[in-house]
C-alpha cells in the first residue's frame, strides 16, 4: 500500500479552473488513478474527467495548493 497524489481535470478545465488534486492510499498507481477518476466523476456527475498527473507520496506542507484527502474513504 502506498500513498499517491493524483490530479484530475473535469469539465472545469473548459472554464479555466485548475484541476483537482487528491491524496489516496492504494496498492498501485493505476488503481489510485482509477479510484480518483471514479470519485471525481461521481461527485461532479460527469464522465468528462481526465487524469493529469500521479505522484508517489503526499504533497509537502508548503506545496502551494490545496488537495483533497481520500485516505480512509476507500472500500
PDB file of N, CA and C in Angstrom:
ATOM      1  N   UNK A   1       0.864  -1.180   0.000  1.00  0.00           N
ATOM      2  CA  UNK A   1       0.000   0.000   0.000  1.00  0.00           C
ATOM      3  C   UNK A   1       0.898   1.226   0.000  1.00  0.00           C
ATOM      4  N   UNK A   2       0.583   2.156  -0.888  1.00  0.00           N
ATOM      5  CA  UNK A   2       1.347   3.390  -0.949  1.00  0.00           C
ATOM      6  C   UNK A   2       0.427   4.594  -0.969  1.00  0.00           C
ATOM      7  N   UNK A   3       0.982   5.739  -0.699  1.00  0.00           N
ATOM      8  CA  UNK A   3       0.238   6.991  -0.768  1.00  0.00           C
ATOM      9  C   UNK A   3       0.545   7.646  -2.104  1.00  0.00           C
ATOM     10  N   UNK A   4      -0.504   8.076  -2.796  1.00  0.00           N
ATOM     11  CA  UNK A   4      -0.355   8.697  -4.110  1.00  0.00           C
ATOM     12  C   UNK A   4      -1.069  10.040  -4.138  1.00  0.00           C
ATOM     13  N   UNK A   5      -0.505  10.971  -4.870  1.00  0.00           N
ATOM     14  CA  UNK A   5      -1.139  12.254  -5.145  1.00  0.00           C
ATOM     15  C   UNK A   5      -1.591  12.210  -6.593  1.00  0.00           C
ATOM     16  N   UNK A   6      -2.901  12.308  -6.794  1.00  0.00           N
ATOM     17  CA  UNK A   6      -3.489  12.169  -8.122  1.00  0.00           C
ATOM     18  C   UNK A   6      -4.206  13.465  -8.487  1.00  0.00           C
ATOM     19  N   UNK A   7      -3.882  14.015  -9.641  1.00  0.00           N
ATOM     20  CA  UNK A   7      -4.526  15.229 -10.132  1.00  0.00           C
ATOM     21  C   UNK A   7      -5.368  14.885 -11.347  1.00  0.00           C
ATOM     22  N   UNK A   8      -6.621  15.348 -11.332  1.00  0.00           N
ATOM     23  CA  UNK A   8      -7.550  15.099 -12.433  1.00  0.00           C
ATOM     24  C   UNK A   8      -8.214  16.412 -12.840  1.00  0.00           C
ATOM     25  N   UNK A   9      -8.670  16.456 -14.083  1.00  0.00           N
ATOM     26  CA  UNK A   9      -9.378  17.634 -14.589  1.00  0.00           C
ATOM     27  C   UNK A   9     -10.704  17.191 -15.179  1.00  0.00           C
ATOM     28  N   UNK A  10     -11.767  17.812 -14.723  1.00  0.00           N
ATOM     29  CA  UNK A  10     -13.098  17.540 -15.252  1.00  0.00           C
ATOM     30  C   UNK A  10     -13.527  18.677 -16.161  1.00  0.00           C
ATOM     31  N   UNK A  11     -14.820  18.892 -16.226  1.00  0.00           N
ATOM     32  CA  UNK A  11     -15.348  19.933 -17.115  1.00  0.00           C
ATOM     33  C   UNK A  11     -14.895  21.326 -16.709  1.00  0.00           C
ATOM     34  N   UNK A  12     -14.440  21.476 -15.475  1.00  0.00           N
ATOM     35  CA  UNK A  12     -13.949  22.787 -15.030  1.00  0.00           C
ATOM     36  C   UNK A  12     -12.771  23.266 -15.862  1.00  0.00           C
ATOM     37  N   UNK A  13     -12.082  22.353 -16.520  1.00  0.00           N
ATOM     38  CA  UNK A  13     -10.925  22.751 -17.333  1.00  0.00           C
ATOM     39  C   UNK A  13     -11.346  23.617 -18.516  1.00  0.00           C
ATOM     40  N   UNK A  14     -12.590  23.509 -18.947  1.00  0.00           N
ATOM     41  CA  UNK A  14     -13.086  24.333 -20.054  1.00  0.00           C
ATOM     42  C   UNK A  14     -13.331  25.779 -19.617  1.00  0.00           C
ATOM     43  N   UNK A  15     -13.522  25.980 -18.307  1.00  0.00           N
ATOM     44  CA  UNK A  15     -13.760  27.318 -17.761  1.00  0.00           C
ATOM     45  C   UNK A  15     -12.485  27.976 -17.256  1.00  0.00           C
ATOM     46  N   UNK A  16     -11.363  27.287 -17.398  1.00  0.00           N
ATOM     47  CA  UNK A  16     -10.096  27.835 -16.934  1.00  0.00           C
ATOM     48  C   UNK A  16      -9.784  27.531 -15.483  1.00  0.00           C
ATOM     49  N   UNK A  17     -10.631  26.732 -14.823  1.00  0.00           N
ATOM     50  CA  UNK A  17     -10.343  26.354 -13.440  1.00  0.00           C
ATOM     51  C   UNK A  17      -9.177  25.382 -13.397  1.00  0.00           C
ATOM     52  N   UNK A  18      -8.474  25.409 -12.290  1.00  0.00           N
ATOM     53  CA  UNK A  18      -7.360  24.476 -12.105  1.00  0.00           C
ATOM     54  C   UNK A  18      -7.899  23.076 -11.834  1.00  0.00           C
ATOM     55  N   UNK A  19      -7.092  22.059 -12.108  1.00  0.00           N
ATOM     56  CA  UNK A  19      -7.521  20.684 -11.837  1.00  0.00           C
ATOM     57  C   UNK A  19      -7.596  20.412 -10.335  1.00  0.00           C
ATOM     58  N   UNK A  20      -8.219  19.310  -9.991  1.00  0.00           N
ATOM     59  CA  UNK A  20      -8.370  18.891  -8.601  1.00  0.00           C
ATOM     60  C   UNK A  20      -7.304  17.863  -8.255  1.00  0.00           C
ATOM     61  N   UNK A  21      -6.772  17.975  -7.045  1.00  0.00           N
ATOM     62  CA  UNK A  21      -5.744  17.051  -6.574  1.00  0.00           C
ATOM     63  C   UNK A  21      -6.264  16.300  -5.357  1.00  0.00           C
ATOM     64  N   UNK A  22      -6.037  15.002  -5.368  1.00  0.00           N
ATOM     65  CA  UNK A  22      -6.474  14.114  -4.290  1.00  0.00           C
ATOM     66  C   UNK A  22      -5.276  13.321  -3.777  1.00  0.00           C
ATOM     67  N   UNK A  23      -5.310  12.987  -2.494  1.00  0.00           N
ATOM     68  CA  UNK A  23      -4.319  12.090  -1.905  1.00  0.00           C
ATOM     69  C   UNK A  23      -5.067  10.839  -1.467  1.00  0.00           C
ATOM     70  N   UNK A  24      -4.509   9.691  -1.822  1.00  0.00           N
ATOM     71  CA  UNK A  24      -5.186   8.422  -1.586  1.00  0.00           C
ATOM     72  C   UNK A  24      -4.152   7.334  -1.301  1.00  0.00           C
ATOM     73  N   UNK A  25      -4.527   6.375  -0.485  1.00  0.00           N
ATOM     74  CA  UNK A  25      -3.688   5.195  -0.241  1.00  0.00           C
ATOM     75  C   UNK A  25      -4.212   4.061  -1.102  1.00  0.00           C
ATOM     76  N   UNK A  26      -3.341   3.479  -1.904  1.00  0.00           N
ATOM     77  CA  UNK A  26      -3.740   2.352  -2.751  1.00  0.00           C
ATOM     78  C   UNK A  26      -2.543   1.463  -3.007  1.00  0.00           C
ATOM     79  N   UNK A  27      -2.812   0.263  -3.531  1.00  0.00           N
ATOM     80  CA  UNK A  27      -1.755  -0.723  -3.738  1.00  0.00           C
ATOM     81  C   UNK A  27      -0.844  -0.368  -4.909  1.00  0.00           C
ATOM     82  N   UNK A  28      -1.360   0.361  -5.903  1.00  0.00           N
ATOM     83  CA  UNK A  28      -0.531   0.751  -7.047  1.00  0.00           C
ATOM     84  C   UNK A  28      -1.073   2.044  -7.645  1.00  0.00           C
ATOM     85  N   UNK A  29      -0.252   2.704  -8.437  1.00  0.00           N
ATOM     86  CA  UNK A  29      -0.618   3.998  -9.014  1.00  0.00           C
ATOM     87  C   UNK A  29      -1.839   3.892  -9.921  1.00  0.00           C
ATOM     88  N   UNK A  30      -1.915   2.843 -10.723  1.00  0.00           N
ATOM     89  CA  UNK A  30      -3.042   2.690 -11.645  1.00  0.00           C
ATOM     90  C   UNK A  30      -4.366   2.599 -10.892  1.00  0.00           C
ATOM     91  N   UNK A  31      -4.415   1.786  -9.846  1.00  0.00           N
ATOM     92  CA  UNK A  31      -5.644   1.670  -9.062  1.00  0.00           C
ATOM     93  C   UNK A  31      -5.982   2.983  -8.357  1.00  0.00           C
ATOM     94  N   UNK A  32      -4.971   3.713  -7.909  1.00  0.00           N
ATOM     95  CA  UNK A  32      -5.203   5.012  -7.277  1.00  0.00           C
ATOM     96  C   UNK A  32      -5.849   5.976  -8.267  1.00  0.00           C
ATOM     97  N   UNK A  33      -5.326   6.020  -9.482  1.00  0.00           N
ATOM     98  CA  UNK A  33      -5.883   6.907 -10.514  1.00  0.00           C
ATOM     99  C   UNK A  33      -7.316   6.503 -10.843  1.00  0.00           C
ATOM    100  N   UNK A  34      -7.560   5.217 -11.022  1.00  0.00           N
ATOM    101  CA  UNK A  34      -8.909   4.751 -11.359  1.00  0.00           C
ATOM    102  C   UNK A  34      -9.910   5.098 -10.260  1.00  0.00           C
ATOM    103  N   UNK A  35      -9.507   4.958  -9.005  1.00  0.00           N
ATOM    104  CA  UNK A  35     -10.402   5.287  -7.894  1.00  0.00           C
ATOM    105  C   UNK A  35     -10.689   6.788  -7.854  1.00  0.00           C
ATOM    106  N   UNK A  36      -9.671   7.606  -8.050  1.00  0.00           N
ATOM    107  CA  UNK A  36      -9.867   9.059  -8.035  1.00  0.00           C
ATOM    108  C   UNK A  36     -10.749   9.494  -9.205  1.00  0.00           C
ATOM    109  N   UNK A  37     -10.524   8.926 -10.386  1.00  0.00           N
ATOM    110  CA  UNK A  37     -11.380   9.253 -11.535  1.00  0.00           C
ATOM    111  C   UNK A  37     -12.840   8.919 -11.225  1.00  0.00           C
ATOM    112  N   UNK A  38     -13.085   7.743 -10.665  1.00  0.00           N
ATOM    113  CA  UNK A  38     -14.452   7.341 -10.323  1.00  0.00           C
ATOM    114  C   UNK A  38     -15.054   8.279  -9.283  1.00  0.00           C
ATOM    115  N   UNK A  39     -14.272   8.636  -8.272  1.00  0.00           N
ATOM    116  CA  UNK A  39     -14.750   9.545  -7.231  1.00  0.00           C
ATOM    117  C   UNK A  39     -15.109  10.905  -7.826  1.00  0.00           C
ATOM    118  N   UNK A  40     -14.230  11.458  -8.640  1.00  0.00           N
ATOM    119  CA  UNK A  40     -14.468  12.789  -9.219  1.00  0.00           C
ATOM    120  C   UNK A  40     -15.678  12.759 -10.156  1.00  0.00           C
ATOM    121  N   UNK A  41     -15.813  11.693 -10.925  1.00  0.00           N
ATOM    122  CA  UNK A  41     -16.983  11.552 -11.813  1.00  0.00           C
ATOM    123  C   UNK A  41     -18.274  11.512 -11.001  1.00  0.00           C
ATOM    124  N   UNK A  42     -18.273  10.744  -9.927  1.00  0.00           N
ATOM    125  CA  UNK A  42     -19.465  10.622  -9.093  1.00  0.00           C
ATOM    126  C   UNK A  42     -19.789  11.946  -8.405  1.00  0.00           C
ATOM    127  N   UNK A  43     -18.792  12.591  -7.816  1.00  0.00           N
ATOM    128  CA  UNK A  43     -19.006  13.854  -7.103  1.00  0.00           C
ATOM    129  C   UNK A  43     -19.515  14.960  -8.024  1.00  0.00           C
ATOM    130  N   UNK A  44     -19.056  14.965  -9.266  1.00  0.00           N
ATOM    131  CA  UNK A  44     -19.398  16.048 -10.194  1.00  0.00           C
ATOM    132  C   UNK A  44     -20.433  15.645 -11.239  1.00  0.00           C
ATOM    133  N   UNK A  45     -20.928  14.430 -11.151  1.00  0.00           N
ATOM    134  CA  UNK A  45     -21.970  13.918 -12.041  1.00  0.00           C
ATOM    135  C   UNK A  45     -21.633  14.118 -13.515  1.00  0.00           C
ATOM    136  N   UNK A  46     -20.402  13.753 -13.885  1.00  0.00           N
ATOM    137  CA  UNK A  46     -19.971  13.833 -15.277  1.00  0.00           C
ATOM    138  C   UNK A  46     -18.933  12.755 -15.550  1.00  0.00           C
ATOM    139  N   UNK A  47     -18.946  12.251 -16.762  1.00  0.00           N
ATOM    140  CA  UNK A  47     -17.937  11.272 -17.170  1.00  0.00           C
ATOM    141  C   UNK A  47     -16.733  11.948 -17.806  1.00  0.00           C
ATOM    142  N   UNK A  48     -16.812  13.254 -17.995  1.00  0.00           N
ATOM    143  CA  UNK A  48     -15.752  14.016 -18.661  1.00  0.00           C
ATOM    144  C   UNK A  48     -14.660  14.383 -17.658  1.00  0.00           C
ATOM    145  N   UNK A  49     -13.834  13.405 -17.318  1.00  0.00           N
ATOM    146  CA  UNK A  49     -12.738  13.592 -16.363  1.00  0.00           C
ATOM    147  C   UNK A  49     -11.508  12.895 -16.919  1.00  0.00           C
ATOM    148  N   UNK A  50     -10.383  13.586 -16.884  1.00  0.00           N
ATOM    149  CA  UNK A  50      -9.137  13.010 -17.388  1.00  0.00           C
ATOM    150  C   UNK A  50      -8.053  13.072 -16.317  1.00  0.00           C
ATOM    151  N   UNK A  51      -7.170  12.081 -16.281  1.00  0.00           N
ATOM    152  CA  UNK A  51      -6.038  12.151 -15.353  1.00  0.00           C
ATOM    153  C   UNK A  51      -5.007  13.149 -15.866  1.00  0.00           C
ATOM    154  N   UNK A  52      -4.417  13.894 -14.962  1.00  0.00           N
ATOM    155  CA  UNK A  52      -3.395  14.879 -15.319  1.00  0.00           C
ATOM    156  C   UNK A  52      -2.022  14.427 -14.835  1.00  0.00           C
ATOM    157  N   UNK A  53      -1.973  13.943 -13.587  1.00  0.00           N
ATOM    158  CA  UNK A  53      -0.675  13.590 -13.003  1.00  0.00           C
ATOM    159  C   UNK A  53      -0.887  12.647 -11.825  1.00  0.00           C
ATOM    160  N   UNK A  54       0.055  11.749 -11.628  1.00  0.00           N
ATOM    161  CA  UNK A  54       0.067  10.910 -10.432  1.00  0.00           C
ATOM    162  C   UNK A  54       1.495  10.866  -9.908  1.00  0.00           C
ATOM    163  N   UNK A  55       1.628  11.114  -8.612  1.00  0.00           N
ATOM    164  CA  UNK A  55       2.936  11.132  -7.965  1.00  0.00           C
ATOM    165  C   UNK A  55       2.893  10.229  -6.741  1.00  0.00           C
ATOM    166  N   UNK A  56       3.994   9.608  -6.441  1.00  0.00           N
ATOM    167  CA  UNK A  56       4.102   8.796  -5.240  1.00  0.00           C
ATOM    168  C   UNK A  56       4.308   9.717  -4.047  1.00  0.00           C
ATOM    169  N   UNK A  57       3.515   9.520  -3.007  1.00  0.00           N
ATOM    170  CA  UNK A  57       3.660  10.306  -1.790  1.00  0.00           C
ATOM    171  C   UNK A  57       2.614  11.396  -1.670  1.00  0.00           C
ATOM    172  N   UNK A  58       2.687  12.077  -0.548  1.00  0.00           N
ATOM    173  CA  UNK A  58       1.773  13.162  -0.199  1.00  0.00           C
ATOM    174  C   UNK A  58       2.451  14.498  -0.496  1.00  0.00           C
ATOM    175  N   UNK A  59       1.695  15.523  -0.905  1.00  0.00           N
ATOM    176  CA  UNK A  59       2.313  16.836  -1.129  1.00  0.00           C
ATOM    177  C   UNK A  59       2.928  17.373   0.170  1.00  0.00           C
ATOM    178  N   UNK A  60       3.955  18.165   0.033  1.00  0.00           N
ATOM    179  CA  UNK A  60       4.574  18.771   1.218  1.00  0.00           C
ATOM    180  C   UNK A  60       3.649  19.844   1.782  1.00  0.00           C
ATOM    181  N   UNK A  61       3.887  20.233   3.005  1.00  0.00           N
ATOM    182  CA  UNK A  61       3.032  21.230   3.659  1.00  0.00           C
ATOM    183  C   UNK A  61       3.115  22.598   2.991  1.00  0.00           C
ATOM    184  N   UNK A  62       4.165  22.855   2.245  1.00  0.00           N
ATOM    185  CA  UNK A  62       4.308  24.144   1.553  1.00  0.00           C
ATOM    186  C   UNK A  62       4.207  23.969   0.034  1.00  0.00           C
ATOM    187  N   UNK A  63       3.347  23.045  -0.412  1.00  0.00           N
ATOM    188  CA  UNK A  63       3.240  22.731  -1.843  1.00  0.00           C
ATOM    189  C   UNK A  63       2.622  23.871  -2.650  1.00  0.00           C
ATOM    190  N   UNK A  64       1.869  24.749  -2.010  1.00  0.00           N
ATOM    191  CA  UNK A  64       1.296  25.888  -2.719  1.00  0.00           C
ATOM    192  C   UNK A  64      -0.082  25.636  -3.308  1.00  0.00           C
ATOM    193  N   UNK A  65      -0.683  24.490  -3.005  1.00  0.00           N
ATOM    194  CA  UNK A  65      -2.037  24.224  -3.492  1.00  0.00           C
ATOM    195  C   UNK A  65      -2.803  23.390  -2.465  1.00  0.00           C
ATOM    196  N   UNK A  66      -4.113  23.397  -2.607  1.00  0.00           N
ATOM    197  CA  UNK A  66      -4.989  22.642  -1.718  1.00  0.00           C
ATOM    198  C   UNK A  66      -5.260  21.283  -2.342  1.00  0.00           C
ATOM    199  N   UNK A  67      -5.352  20.255  -1.523  1.00  0.00           N
ATOM    200  CA  UNK A  67      -5.664  18.922  -2.032  1.00  0.00           C
ATOM    201  C   UNK A  67      -6.705  18.270  -1.146  1.00  0.00           C
ATOM    202  N   UNK A  68      -7.399  17.302  -1.719  1.00  0.00           N
ATOM    203  CA  UNK A  68      -8.474  16.579  -1.047  1.00  0.00           C
ATOM    204  C   UNK A  68      -7.946  15.236  -0.557  1.00  0.00           C
ATOM    205  N   UNK A  69      -8.197  14.938   0.697  1.00  0.00           N
ATOM    206  CA  UNK A  69      -7.688  13.712   1.307  1.00  0.00           C
ATOM    207  C   UNK A  69      -8.744  12.613   1.235  1.00  0.00           C
ATOM    208  N   UNK A  70      -8.502  11.603   0.412  1.00  0.00           N
ATOM    209  CA  UNK A  70      -9.418  10.464   0.292  1.00  0.00           C
ATOM    210  C   UNK A  70      -8.949   9.266   1.103  1.00  0.00           C
ATOM    211  N   UNK A  71      -7.866   9.407   1.831  1.00  0.00           N
ATOM    212  CA  UNK A  71      -7.382   8.283   2.631  1.00  0.00           C
ATOM    213  C   UNK A  71      -8.428   7.922   3.681  1.00  0.00           C
ATOM    214  N   UNK A  72      -8.657   6.640   3.820  1.00  0.00           N
ATOM    215  CA  UNK A  72      -9.647   6.174   4.776  1.00  0.00           C
ATOM    216  C   UNK A  72     -11.056   6.117   4.216  1.00  0.00           C
ATOM    217  N   UNK A  73     -11.259   6.601   2.987  1.00  0.00           N
ATOM    218  CA  UNK A  73     -12.592   6.585   2.374  1.00  0.00           C
ATOM    219  C   UNK A  73     -12.742   5.448   1.378  1.00  0.00           C
ATOM    220  N   UNK A  74     -11.663   4.708   1.117  1.00  0.00           N
ATOM    221  CA  UNK A  74     -11.739   3.595   0.174  1.00  0.00           C
ATOM    222  C   UNK A  74     -12.553   2.459   0.777  1.00  0.00           C
ATOM    223  N   UNK A  75     -13.121   1.665  -0.092  1.00  0.00           N
ATOM    224  CA  UNK A  75     -13.865   0.487   0.369  1.00  0.00           C
ATOM    225  C   UNK A  75     -13.103  -0.743   0.004  1.00  0.00           C
TER     226      UNK A  75
END
